[in-house]
C-alpha atoms as a PDB file:
ATOM      1  CA  MET A   1    -136.209  -0.483  66.564  1.00  0.00           C
ATOM      2  CA  ARG A   2    -134.409  -1.947  69.593  1.00  0.00           C
ATOM      3  CA  MET A   3    -137.696  -2.076  71.521  1.00  0.00           C
ATOM      4  CA  ILE A   4    -139.358  -4.044  68.735  1.00  0.00           C
ATOM      5  CA  LEU A   5    -136.439  -6.516  68.593  1.00  0.00           C
ATOM      6  CA  ALA A   6    -136.406  -6.841  72.380  1.00  0.00           C
ATOM      7  CA  VAL A   7    -140.050  -7.918  72.306  1.00  0.00           C
ATOM      8  CA  TRP A   8    -140.043  -9.837  69.024  1.00  0.00           C
ATOM      9  CA  LEU A   9    -136.835 -11.875  69.432  1.00  0.00           C
ATOM     10  CA  PRO A  10    -137.761 -13.631  72.720  1.00  0.00           C
ATOM     11  CA  ALA A  11    -141.227 -14.375  71.322  1.00  0.00           C
ATOM     12  CA  ALA A  12    -139.724 -15.849  68.153  1.00  0.00           C
ATOM     13  CA  VAL A  13    -137.311 -18.001  70.160  1.00  0.00           C
ATOM     14  CA  ALA A  14    -140.155 -19.274  72.367  1.00  0.00           C
ATOM     15  CA  LEU A  15    -142.276 -20.060  69.315  1.00  0.00           C
ATOM     16  CA  ALA A  16    -139.418 -21.929  67.626  1.00  0.00           C
ATOM     17  CA  ALA A  17    -138.930 -24.027  70.751  1.00  0.00           C
ATOM     18  CA  ALA A  18    -142.642 -24.881  70.921  1.00  0.00           C
ATOM     19  CA  VAL A  19    -143.032 -25.948  67.284  1.00  0.00           C
ATOM     20  CA  PRO A  20    -141.310 -29.211  66.345  1.00  0.00           C
ATOM     21  CA  SER A  21    -139.010 -29.313  63.344  1.00  0.00           C
ATOM     22  CA  THR A  22    -140.272 -30.583  60.009  1.00  0.00           C
ATOM     23  CA  ALA A  23    -136.849 -31.559  58.721  1.00  0.00           C
ATOM     24  CA  GLY A  24    -136.382 -35.012  57.248  1.00  0.00           C
ATOM     25  CA  SER A  25    -138.404 -37.285  55.034  1.00  0.00           C
ATOM     26  CA  ASP A  26    -141.356 -37.774  57.408  1.00  0.00           C
ATOM     27  CA  PRO A  27    -143.008 -34.561  58.566  1.00  0.00           C
ATOM     28  CA  ILE A  28    -143.344 -33.870  62.266  1.00  0.00           C
ATOM     29  CA  ALA A  29    -146.845 -32.879  63.310  1.00  0.00           C
ATOM     30  CA  ILE A  30    -147.296 -29.553  65.051  1.00  0.00           C
ATOM     31  CA  TYR A  31    -148.714 -30.075  68.524  1.00  0.00           C
ATOM     32  CA  GLN A  32    -149.393 -28.164  71.697  1.00  0.00           C
ATOM     33  CA  ILE A  33    -148.560 -29.446  75.155  1.00  0.00           C
ATOM     34  CA  VAL A  34    -151.162 -28.566  77.768  1.00  0.00           C
ATOM     35  CA  GLY A  35    -150.182 -29.587  81.286  1.00  0.00           C
ATOM     36  CA  ASP A  36    -149.118 -33.237  81.109  1.00  0.00           C
ATOM     37  CA  ALA A  37    -150.794 -33.977  77.773  1.00  0.00           C
ATOM     38  CA  ILE A  38    -151.004 -33.268  74.074  1.00  0.00           C
ATOM     39  CA  PRO A  39    -154.815 -33.156  73.970  1.00  0.00           C
ATOM     40  CA  ALA A  40    -155.400 -32.911  70.208  1.00  0.00           C
ATOM     41  CA  PRO A  41    -154.709 -35.819  67.851  1.00  0.00           C
ATOM     42  CA  LEU A  42    -151.650 -35.270  65.674  1.00  0.00           C
ATOM     43  CA  ASP A  43    -152.706 -33.773  62.331  1.00  0.00           C
ATOM     44  CA  ASP A  44    -156.367 -34.347  63.404  1.00  0.00           C
ATOM     45  CA  LEU A  45    -155.985 -38.037  62.577  1.00  0.00           C
ATOM     46  CA  ASP A  46    -158.131 -40.878  63.863  1.00  0.00           C
ATOM     47  CA  GLY A  47    -156.264 -43.919  65.098  1.00  0.00           C
ATOM     48  CA  ASP A  48    -156.944 -47.536  64.196  1.00  0.00           C
ATOM     49  CA  PRO A  49    -156.523 -49.949  67.131  1.00  0.00           C
ATOM     50  CA  VAL A  50    -155.793 -52.940  64.861  1.00  0.00           C
ATOM     51  CA  ARG A  51    -152.891 -51.155  63.195  1.00  0.00           C
ATOM     52  CA  GLY A  52    -151.823 -49.853  66.621  1.00  0.00           C
ATOM     53  CA  ARG A  53    -151.655 -53.353  68.082  1.00  0.00           C
ATOM     54  CA  ALA A  54    -149.442 -54.448  65.185  1.00  0.00           C
ATOM     55  CA  ILE A  55    -147.091 -51.514  65.859  1.00  0.00           C
ATOM     56  CA  VAL A  56    -146.935 -52.256  69.599  1.00  0.00           C
ATOM     57  CA  ALA A  57    -146.280 -55.960  68.962  1.00  0.00           C
ATOM     58  CA  GLY A  58    -143.880 -55.460  66.063  1.00  0.00           C
ATOM     59  CA  ARG A  59    -140.361 -54.225  65.498  1.00  0.00           C
ATOM     60  CA  LYS A  60    -141.435 -50.775  64.251  1.00  0.00           C
ATOM     61  CA  GLY A  61    -142.634 -49.646  67.681  1.00  0.00           C
ATOM     62  CA  ASN A  62    -140.652 -52.250  69.618  1.00  0.00           C
ATOM     63  CA  CYS A  63    -142.813 -51.486  72.661  1.00  0.00           C
ATOM     64  CA  LEU A  64    -142.463 -55.018  74.027  1.00  0.00           C
ATOM     65  CA  ALA A  65    -138.730 -54.509  74.494  1.00  0.00           C
ATOM     66  CA  CYS A  66    -139.595 -52.460  77.597  1.00  0.00           C
ATOM     67  CA  HIS A  67    -143.273 -53.096  78.342  1.00  0.00           C
ATOM     68  CA  GLU A  68    -145.407 -56.104  79.144  1.00  0.00           C
ATOM     69  CA  ALA A  69    -148.667 -56.117  77.162  1.00  0.00           C
ATOM     70  CA  PRO A  70    -151.609 -58.486  76.675  1.00  0.00           C
ATOM     71  CA  ILE A  71    -150.140 -59.855  73.434  1.00  0.00           C
ATOM     72  CA  PRO A  72    -149.648 -63.544  74.265  1.00  0.00           C
ATOM     73  CA  GLU A  73    -148.402 -64.587  70.810  1.00  0.00           C
ATOM     74  CA  GLU A  74    -145.230 -62.553  71.419  1.00  0.00           C
ATOM     75  CA  PRO A  75    -143.200 -64.533  73.963  1.00  0.00           C
ATOM     76  CA  PHE A  76    -140.738 -61.932  75.249  1.00  0.00           C
ATOM     77  CA  HIS A  77    -141.936 -58.808  77.049  1.00  0.00           C
ATOM     78  CA  GLY A  78    -139.817 -56.292  78.891  1.00  0.00           C
ATOM     79  CA  ASN A  79    -140.249 -55.045  82.425  1.00  0.00           C
ATOM     80  CA  LEU A  80    -138.278 -51.793  82.317  1.00  0.00           C
ATOM     81  CA  GLY A  81    -141.384 -49.694  81.629  1.00  0.00           C
ATOM     82  CA  PRO A  82    -144.801 -49.980  83.230  1.00  0.00           C
ATOM     83  CA  PRO A  83    -147.104 -52.797  82.068  1.00  0.00           C
ATOM     84  CA  LEU A  84    -149.537 -51.708  79.372  1.00  0.00           C
ATOM     85  CA  ASP A  85    -152.431 -53.916  80.464  1.00  0.00           C
ATOM     86  CA  GLY A  86    -155.093 -51.541  81.791  1.00  0.00           C
ATOM     87  CA  ILE A  87    -153.358 -48.391  80.503  1.00  0.00           C
ATOM     88  CA  GLY A  88    -156.576 -47.281  78.788  1.00  0.00           C
ATOM     89  CA  SER A  89    -158.158 -46.953  82.249  1.00  0.00           C
ATOM     90  CA  ARG A  90    -155.185 -45.152  83.760  1.00  0.00           C
ATOM     91  CA  ALA A  91    -154.263 -42.598  81.093  1.00  0.00           C
ATOM     92  CA  SER A  92    -156.068 -40.291  78.682  1.00  0.00           C
ATOM     93  CA  SER A  93    -155.300 -40.147  74.978  1.00  0.00           C
ATOM     94  CA  GLY A  94    -153.555 -36.800  75.525  1.00  0.00           C
ATOM     95  CA  ALA A  95    -151.348 -38.178  78.304  1.00  0.00           C
ATOM     96  CA  LEU A  96    -150.399 -41.164  76.156  1.00  0.00           C
ATOM     97  CA  ARG A  97    -149.700 -38.878  73.199  1.00  0.00           C
ATOM     98  CA  LEU A  98    -147.243 -36.753  75.213  1.00  0.00           C
ATOM     99  CA  ARG A  99    -145.472 -39.847  76.502  1.00  0.00           C
ATOM    100  CA  LEU A 100    -145.050 -41.174  72.961  1.00  0.00           C
ATOM    101  CA  VAL A 101    -144.156 -37.876  71.282  1.00  0.00           C
ATOM    102  CA  ALA A 102    -142.094 -35.985  73.867  1.00  0.00           C
ATOM    103  CA  PRO A 103    -141.478 -38.083  77.003  1.00  0.00           C
ATOM    104  CA  ARG A 104    -138.515 -35.961  78.142  1.00  0.00           C
ATOM    105  CA  THR A 105    -140.957 -33.114  78.722  1.00  0.00           C
ATOM    106  CA  LEU A 106    -142.131 -35.025  81.798  1.00  0.00           C
ATOM    107  CA  ASN A 107    -138.849 -36.673  82.775  1.00  0.00           C
ATOM    108  CA  PRO A 108    -135.600 -35.411  81.228  1.00  0.00           C
ATOM    109  CA  ASP A 109    -133.836 -38.628  82.307  1.00  0.00           C
ATOM    110  CA  THR A 110    -136.348 -41.107  80.885  1.00  0.00           C
ATOM    111  CA  VAL A 111    -135.165 -43.919  78.645  1.00  0.00           C
ATOM    112  CA  MET A 112    -138.515 -43.860  76.805  1.00  0.00           C
ATOM    113  CA  PRO A 113    -137.816 -42.980  73.151  1.00  0.00           C
ATOM    114  CA  ALA A 114    -139.341 -39.866  71.620  1.00  0.00           C
ATOM    115  CA  PHE A 115    -141.249 -41.622  68.829  1.00  0.00           C
ATOM    116  CA  HIS A 116    -142.300 -38.479  66.927  1.00  0.00           C
ATOM    117  CA  GLN A 117    -139.341 -36.124  67.244  1.00  0.00           C
ATOM    118  CA  VAL A 118    -136.177 -35.539  65.277  1.00  0.00           C
ATOM    119  CA  GLU A 119    -134.481 -32.793  67.312  1.00  0.00           C
ATOM    120  CA  GLY A 120    -132.622 -33.169  70.603  1.00  0.00           C
ATOM    121  CA  LEU A 121    -132.197 -36.944  70.291  1.00  0.00           C
ATOM    122  CA  ARG A 122    -129.070 -38.850  71.268  1.00  0.00           C
ATOM    123  CA  ARG A 123    -127.244 -41.711  69.568  1.00  0.00           C
ATOM    124  CA  VAL A 124    -129.302 -41.761  66.339  1.00  0.00           C
ATOM    125  CA  LEU A 125    -127.649 -43.593  63.468  1.00  0.00           C
ATOM    126  CA  ALA A 126    -126.988 -41.399  60.437  1.00  0.00           C
ATOM    127  CA  PRO A 127    -129.528 -43.113  58.129  1.00  0.00           C
ATOM    128  CA  HIS A 128    -132.319 -42.419  60.640  1.00  0.00           C
ATOM    129  CA  ARG A 129    -131.542 -38.786  61.439  1.00  0.00           C
ATOM    130  CA  GLY A 130    -134.278 -36.388  60.380  1.00  0.00           C
ATOM    131  CA  SER A 131    -137.064 -39.005  60.421  1.00  0.00           C
ATOM    132  CA  PRO A 132    -139.249 -39.841  63.411  1.00  0.00           C
ATOM    133  CA  ILE A 133    -139.528 -43.441  64.592  1.00  0.00           C
ATOM    134  CA  LEU A 134    -143.301 -43.312  64.096  1.00  0.00           C
ATOM    135  CA  ALA A 135    -145.328 -41.085  61.767  1.00  0.00           C
ATOM    136  CA  ALA A 136    -148.282 -39.091  63.133  1.00  0.00           C
ATOM    137  CA  GLN A 137    -150.743 -41.728  61.886  1.00  0.00           C
ATOM    138  CA  GLU A 138    -148.796 -44.487  63.615  1.00  0.00           C
ATOM    139  CA  ILE A 139    -148.769 -42.538  66.892  1.00  0.00           C
ATOM    140  CA  GLU A 140    -152.550 -42.179  66.709  1.00  0.00           C
ATOM    141  CA  ASP A 141    -152.927 -45.888  65.861  1.00  0.00           C
ATOM    142  CA  VAL A 142    -150.857 -46.885  68.914  1.00  0.00           C
ATOM    143  CA  ILE A 143    -152.945 -44.592  71.134  1.00  0.00           C
ATOM    144  CA  ALA A 144    -156.180 -46.074  69.747  1.00  0.00           C
ATOM    145  CA  TYR A 145    -154.918 -49.557  70.644  1.00  0.00           C
ATOM    146  CA  LEU A 146    -153.663 -48.578  74.101  1.00  0.00           C
ATOM    147  CA  LEU A 147    -157.045 -47.043  74.916  1.00  0.00           C
ATOM    148  CA  THR A 148    -158.666 -50.460  74.318  1.00  0.00           C
ATOM    149  CA  LEU A 149    -156.567 -51.925  77.145  1.00  0.00           C
ATOM    150  CA  ARG A 150    -158.924 -51.453  80.080  1.00  0.00           C
END
């Protein structure tokens, strides 16, 4: 019995760490990180670049607080993060997905928000705990838009 537990328990802990929580009102998609990417679309969803542009430009994603993007109708763009113009030529959909979903995987000290996580976050107001900033569909929409920026 001890041998079975010795093998099973570490495997169960590793599996629990690899599978995001589904607590909260918006479900968290299950994903697999491969190298520096999440290669498969969340929940096998197709993204819509028009909806993605609206998320990037709007308050929901708030991307322009840190990034400059080719969205001239929005007057204030940040410069803390890299510019998004041309990102579709520099990054794959999987690389973008990892940076949106779990950026601390690549850089534990990043200030980039984890847009599709609910665990391990800091300074989250009580009403927002247990819900991701962006749903799986919204993540895929943002990626579809960013890939048009070539």
